[in-house]
């Protein structure tokens, strides 16, 4: 019975941790998207300096 009393608390802690992990992932994705360089800009021809 004591294990059953701890499970909700552990489950709640795991839920909080999962939510924080997801929030961090979303922040990283948003930052990466904001800093991303469009492919069109990276594939422009540059004169060769030979």
PDB file of N, CA and C in Angstrom:
ATOM      1  N   UNK A   1       0.818  -1.203   0.000  1.00  0.00           N
ATOM      2  CA  UNK A   1       0.000   0.000   0.000  1.00  0.00           C
ATOM      3  C   UNK A   1       0.861   1.267   0.000  1.00  0.00           C
ATOM      4  N   UNK A   2       2.005   1.210   0.660  1.00  0.00           N
ATOM      5  CA  UNK A   2       2.834   2.416   0.695  1.00  0.00           C
ATOM      6  C   UNK A   2       3.331   2.784  -0.697  1.00  0.00           C
ATOM      7  N   UNK A   3       3.588   1.770  -1.535  1.00  0.00           N
ATOM      8  CA  UNK A   3       4.012   2.040  -2.909  1.00  0.00           C
ATOM      9  C   UNK A   3       2.952   2.786  -3.678  1.00  0.00           C
ATOM     10  N   UNK A   4       1.704   2.485  -3.414  1.00  0.00           N
ATOM     11  CA  UNK A   4       0.617   3.167  -4.115  1.00  0.00           C
ATOM     12  C   UNK A   4       0.546   4.638  -3.713  1.00  0.00           C
ATOM     13  N   UNK A   5       0.919   4.944  -2.475  1.00  0.00           N
ATOM     14  CA  UNK A   5       0.891   6.326  -2.021  1.00  0.00           C
ATOM     15  C   UNK A   5       1.988   7.149  -2.705  1.00  0.00           C
ATOM     16  N   UNK A   6       3.101   6.510  -3.021  1.00  0.00           N
ATOM     17  CA  UNK A   6       4.209   7.234  -3.645  1.00  0.00           C
ATOM     18  C   UNK A   6       4.007   7.394  -5.159  1.00  0.00           C
ATOM     19  N   UNK A   7       3.339   6.487  -5.783  1.00  0.00           N
ATOM     20  CA  UNK A   7       3.196   6.524  -7.238  1.00  0.00           C
ATOM     21  C   UNK A   7       2.619   7.836  -7.765  1.00  0.00           C
ATOM     22  N   UNK A   8       1.536   8.369  -7.175  1.00  0.00           N
ATOM     23  CA  UNK A   8       1.012   9.637  -7.710  1.00  0.00           C
ATOM     24  C   UNK A   8       2.045  10.764  -7.640  1.00  0.00           C
ATOM     25  N   UNK A   9       2.807  10.836  -6.577  1.00  0.00           N
ATOM     26  CA  UNK A   9       3.819  11.883  -6.444  1.00  0.00           C
ATOM     27  C   UNK A   9       4.918  11.678  -7.486  1.00  0.00           C
ATOM     28  N   UNK A  10       5.361  10.444  -7.640  1.00  0.00           N
ATOM     29  CA  UNK A  10       6.396  10.151  -8.631  1.00  0.00           C
ATOM     30  C   UNK A  10       5.860  10.422 -10.027  1.00  0.00           C
ATOM     31  N   UNK A  11       4.630  10.016 -10.260  1.00  0.00           N
ATOM     32  CA  UNK A  11       4.026  10.242 -11.563  1.00  0.00           C
ATOM     33  C   UNK A  11       3.908  11.737 -11.833  1.00  0.00           C
ATOM     34  N   UNK A  12       3.515  12.504 -10.820  1.00  0.00           N
ATOM     35  CA  UNK A  12       3.402  13.957 -10.971  1.00  0.00           C
ATOM     36  C   UNK A  12       4.763  14.566 -11.277  1.00  0.00           C
ATOM     37  N   UNK A  13       5.790  14.096 -10.576  1.00  0.00           N
ATOM     38  CA  UNK A  13       7.139  14.592 -10.835  1.00  0.00           C
ATOM     39  C   UNK A  13       7.589  14.274 -12.249  1.00  0.00           C
ATOM     40  N   UNK A  14       7.263  13.071 -12.707  1.00  0.00           N
ATOM     41  CA  UNK A  14       7.612  12.688 -14.075  1.00  0.00           C
ATOM     42  C   UNK A  14       6.845  13.529 -15.081  1.00  0.00           C
ATOM     43  N   UNK A  15       5.599  13.844 -14.770  1.00  0.00           N
ATOM     44  CA  UNK A  15       4.802  14.682 -15.666  1.00  0.00           C
ATOM     45  C   UNK A  15       5.404  16.076 -15.765  1.00  0.00           C
ATOM     46  N   UNK A  16       5.813  16.626 -14.626  1.00  0.00           N
ATOM     47  CA  UNK A  16       6.427  17.956 -14.606  1.00  0.00           C
ATOM     48  C   UNK A  16       7.727  17.939 -15.400  1.00  0.00           C
ATOM     49  N   UNK A  17       8.523  16.897 -15.186  1.00  0.00           N
ATOM     50  CA  UNK A  17       9.797  16.787 -15.894  1.00  0.00           C
ATOM     51  C   UNK A  17       9.567  16.678 -17.406  1.00  0.00           C
ATOM     52  N   UNK A  18       8.574  15.887 -17.803  1.00  0.00           N
ATOM     53  CA  UNK A  18       8.267  15.741 -19.227  1.00  0.00           C
ATOM     54  C   UNK A  18       7.794  17.067 -19.812  1.00  0.00           C
ATOM     55  N   UNK A  19       6.990  17.808 -19.052  1.00  0.00           N
ATOM     56  CA  UNK A  19       6.498  19.105 -19.525  1.00  0.00           C
ATOM     57  C   UNK A  19       7.660  20.091 -19.682  1.00  0.00           C
ATOM     58  N   UNK A  20       8.590  20.095 -18.723  1.00  0.00           N
ATOM     59  CA  UNK A  20       9.744  20.984 -18.808  1.00  0.00           C
ATOM     60  C   UNK A  20      10.635  20.604 -19.993  1.00  0.00           C
ATOM     61  N   UNK A  21      10.779  19.303 -20.209  1.00  0.00           N
ATOM     62  CA  UNK A  21      11.579  18.827 -21.332  1.00  0.00           C
ATOM     63  C   UNK A  21      10.960  19.279 -22.653  1.00  0.00           C
ATOM     64  N   UNK A  22       9.660  19.145 -22.764  1.00  0.00           N
ATOM     65  CA  UNK A  22       8.960  19.549 -23.982  1.00  0.00           C
ATOM     66  C   UNK A  22       9.071  21.065 -24.186  1.00  0.00           C
ATOM     67  N   UNK A  23       8.941  21.838 -23.110  1.00  0.00           N
ATOM     68  CA  UNK A  23       9.053  23.299 -23.215  1.00  0.00           C
ATOM     69  C   UNK A  23      10.457  23.696 -23.673  1.00  0.00           C
ATOM     70  N   UNK A  24      11.466  23.020 -23.138  1.00  0.00           N
ATOM     71  CA  UNK A  24      12.846  23.320 -23.544  1.00  0.00           C
ATOM     72  C   UNK A  24      13.053  22.979 -25.011  1.00  0.00           C
ATOM     73  N   UNK A  25      12.474  21.859 -25.439  1.00  0.00           N
ATOM     74  CA  UNK A  25      12.603  21.470 -26.842  1.00  0.00           C
ATOM     75  C   UNK A  25      11.951  22.506 -27.751  1.00  0.00           C
ATOM     76  N   UNK A  26      10.790  22.999 -27.346  1.00  0.00           N
ATOM     77  CA  UNK A  26      10.100  24.007 -28.152  1.00  0.00           C
ATOM     78  C   UNK A  26      10.904  25.311 -28.215  1.00  0.00           C
ATOM     79  N   UNK A  27      11.539  25.692 -27.090  1.00  0.00           N
ATOM     80  CA  UNK A  27      12.374  26.892 -27.095  1.00  0.00           C
ATOM     81  C   UNK A  27      13.554  26.735 -28.048  1.00  0.00           C
ATOM     82  N   UNK A  28      14.184  25.554 -28.017  1.00  0.00           N
ATOM     83  CA  UNK A  28      15.316  25.304 -28.909  1.00  0.00           C
ATOM     84  C   UNK A  28      14.887  25.338 -30.369  1.00  0.00           C
ATOM     85  N   UNK A  29      13.751  24.726 -30.669  1.00  0.00           N
ATOM     86  CA  UNK A  29      13.253  24.728 -32.041  1.00  0.00           C
ATOM     87  C   UNK A  29      12.928  26.148 -32.499  1.00  0.00           C
ATOM     88  N   UNK A  30      12.326  26.938 -31.625  1.00  0.00           N
ATOM     89  CA  UNK A  30      11.987  28.320 -31.969  1.00  0.00           C
ATOM     90  C   UNK A  30      13.264  29.131 -32.206  1.00  0.00           C
ATOM     91  N   UNK A  31      14.278  28.928 -31.362  1.00  0.00           N
ATOM     92  CA  UNK A  31      15.533  29.648 -31.523  1.00  0.00           C
ATOM     93  C   UNK A  31      16.218  29.233 -32.822  1.00  0.00           C
ATOM     94  N   UNK A  32      16.238  27.946 -33.107  1.00  0.00           N
ATOM     95  CA  UNK A  32      16.867  27.455 -34.334  1.00  0.00           C
ATOM     96  C   UNK A  32      16.154  28.020 -35.562  1.00  0.00           C
ATOM     97  N   UNK A  33      14.850  28.066 -35.518  1.00  0.00           N
ATOM     98  CA  UNK A  33      14.081  28.604 -36.638  1.00  0.00           C
ATOM     99  C   UNK A  33      14.383  30.095 -36.825  1.00  0.00           C
ATOM    100  N   UNK A  34      14.515  30.813 -35.720  1.00  0.00           N
ATOM    101  CA  UNK A  34      14.792  32.251 -35.800  1.00  0.00           C
ATOM    102  C   UNK A  34      16.181  32.514 -36.379  1.00  0.00           C
ATOM    103  N   UNK A  35      17.144  31.619 -36.104  1.00  0.00           N
ATOM    104  CA  UNK A  35      18.519  31.822 -36.553  1.00  0.00           C
ATOM    105  C   UNK A  35      18.818  31.154 -37.888  1.00  0.00           C
ATOM    106  N   UNK A  36      17.881  30.431 -38.424  1.00  0.00           N
ATOM    107  CA  UNK A  36      18.125  29.647 -39.632  1.00  0.00           C
ATOM    108  C   UNK A  36      18.328  30.546 -40.849  1.00  0.00           C
ATOM    109  N   UNK A  37      19.182  30.104 -41.728  1.00  0.00           N
ATOM    110  CA  UNK A  37      19.451  30.832 -42.979  1.00  0.00           C
ATOM    111  C   UNK A  37      18.725  30.078 -44.094  1.00  0.00           C
ATOM    112  N   UNK A  38      17.845  30.759 -44.823  1.00  0.00           N
ATOM    113  CA  UNK A  38      17.123  30.080 -45.908  1.00  0.00           C
ATOM    114  C   UNK A  38      18.083  29.469 -46.930  1.00  0.00           C
ATOM    115  N   UNK A  39      17.733  28.331 -47.467  1.00  0.00           N
ATOM    116  CA  UNK A  39      18.592  27.633 -48.431  1.00  0.00           C
ATOM    117  C   UNK A  39      18.892  28.509 -49.638  1.00  0.00           C
ATOM    118  N   UNK A  40      17.936  29.343 -50.033  1.00  0.00           N
ATOM    119  CA  UNK A  40      18.162  30.205 -51.193  1.00  0.00           C
ATOM    120  C   UNK A  40      19.380  31.107 -50.982  1.00  0.00           C
ATOM    121  N   UNK A  41      19.603  31.535 -49.747  1.00  0.00           N
ATOM    122  CA  UNK A  41      20.722  32.431 -49.454  1.00  0.00           C
ATOM    123  C   UNK A  41      22.051  31.687 -49.405  1.00  0.00           C
ATOM    124  N   UNK A  42      22.016  30.405 -49.112  1.00  0.00           N
ATOM    125  CA  UNK A  42      23.273  29.651 -48.987  1.00  0.00           C
ATOM    126  C   UNK A  42      23.714  29.058 -50.313  1.00  0.00           C
ATOM    127  N   UNK A  43      22.850  29.090 -51.322  1.00  0.00           N
ATOM    128  CA  UNK A  43      23.194  28.461 -52.598  1.00  0.00           C
ATOM    129  C   UNK A  43      23.449  29.486 -53.706  1.00  0.00           C
ATOM    130  N   UNK A  44      23.572  30.745 -53.345  1.00  0.00           N
ATOM    131  CA  UNK A  44      23.848  31.775 -54.354  1.00  0.00           C
ATOM    132  C   UNK A  44      25.254  31.580 -54.918  1.00  0.00           C
ATOM    133  N   UNK A  45      25.393  31.828 -56.195  1.00  0.00           N
ATOM    134  CA  UNK A  45      26.700  31.695 -56.836  1.00  0.00           C
ATOM    135  C   UNK A  45      27.607  32.831 -56.382  1.00  0.00           C
ATOM    136  N   UNK A  46      28.835  32.483 -56.082  1.00  0.00           N
ATOM    137  CA  UNK A  46      29.827  33.475 -55.675  1.00  0.00           C
ATOM    138  C   UNK A  46      30.956  33.419 -56.698  1.00  0.00           C
ATOM    139  N   UNK A  47      31.421  34.564 -57.181  1.00  0.00           N
ATOM    140  CA  UNK A  47      32.514  34.551 -58.167  1.00  0.00           C
ATOM    141  C   UNK A  47      33.742  33.826 -57.624  1.00  0.00           C
ATOM    142  N   UNK A  48      34.337  33.035 -58.480  1.00  0.00           N
ATOM    143  CA  UNK A  48      35.527  32.290 -58.093  1.00  0.00           C
ATOM    144  C   UNK A  48      36.734  33.217 -58.184  1.00  0.00           C
ATOM    145  N   UNK A  49      37.589  33.200 -57.166  1.00  0.00           N
ATOM    146  CA  UNK A  49      38.736  34.127 -57.138  1.00  0.00           C
ATOM    147  C   UNK A  49      40.014  33.455 -57.628  1.00  0.00           C
ATOM    148  N   UNK A  50      39.988  32.775 -58.736  1.00  0.00           N
ATOM    149  CA  UNK A  50      41.210  32.132 -59.222  1.00  0.00           C
ATOM    150  C   UNK A  50      42.040  33.062 -60.035  1.00  0.00           C
TER     151      UNK A  50
END
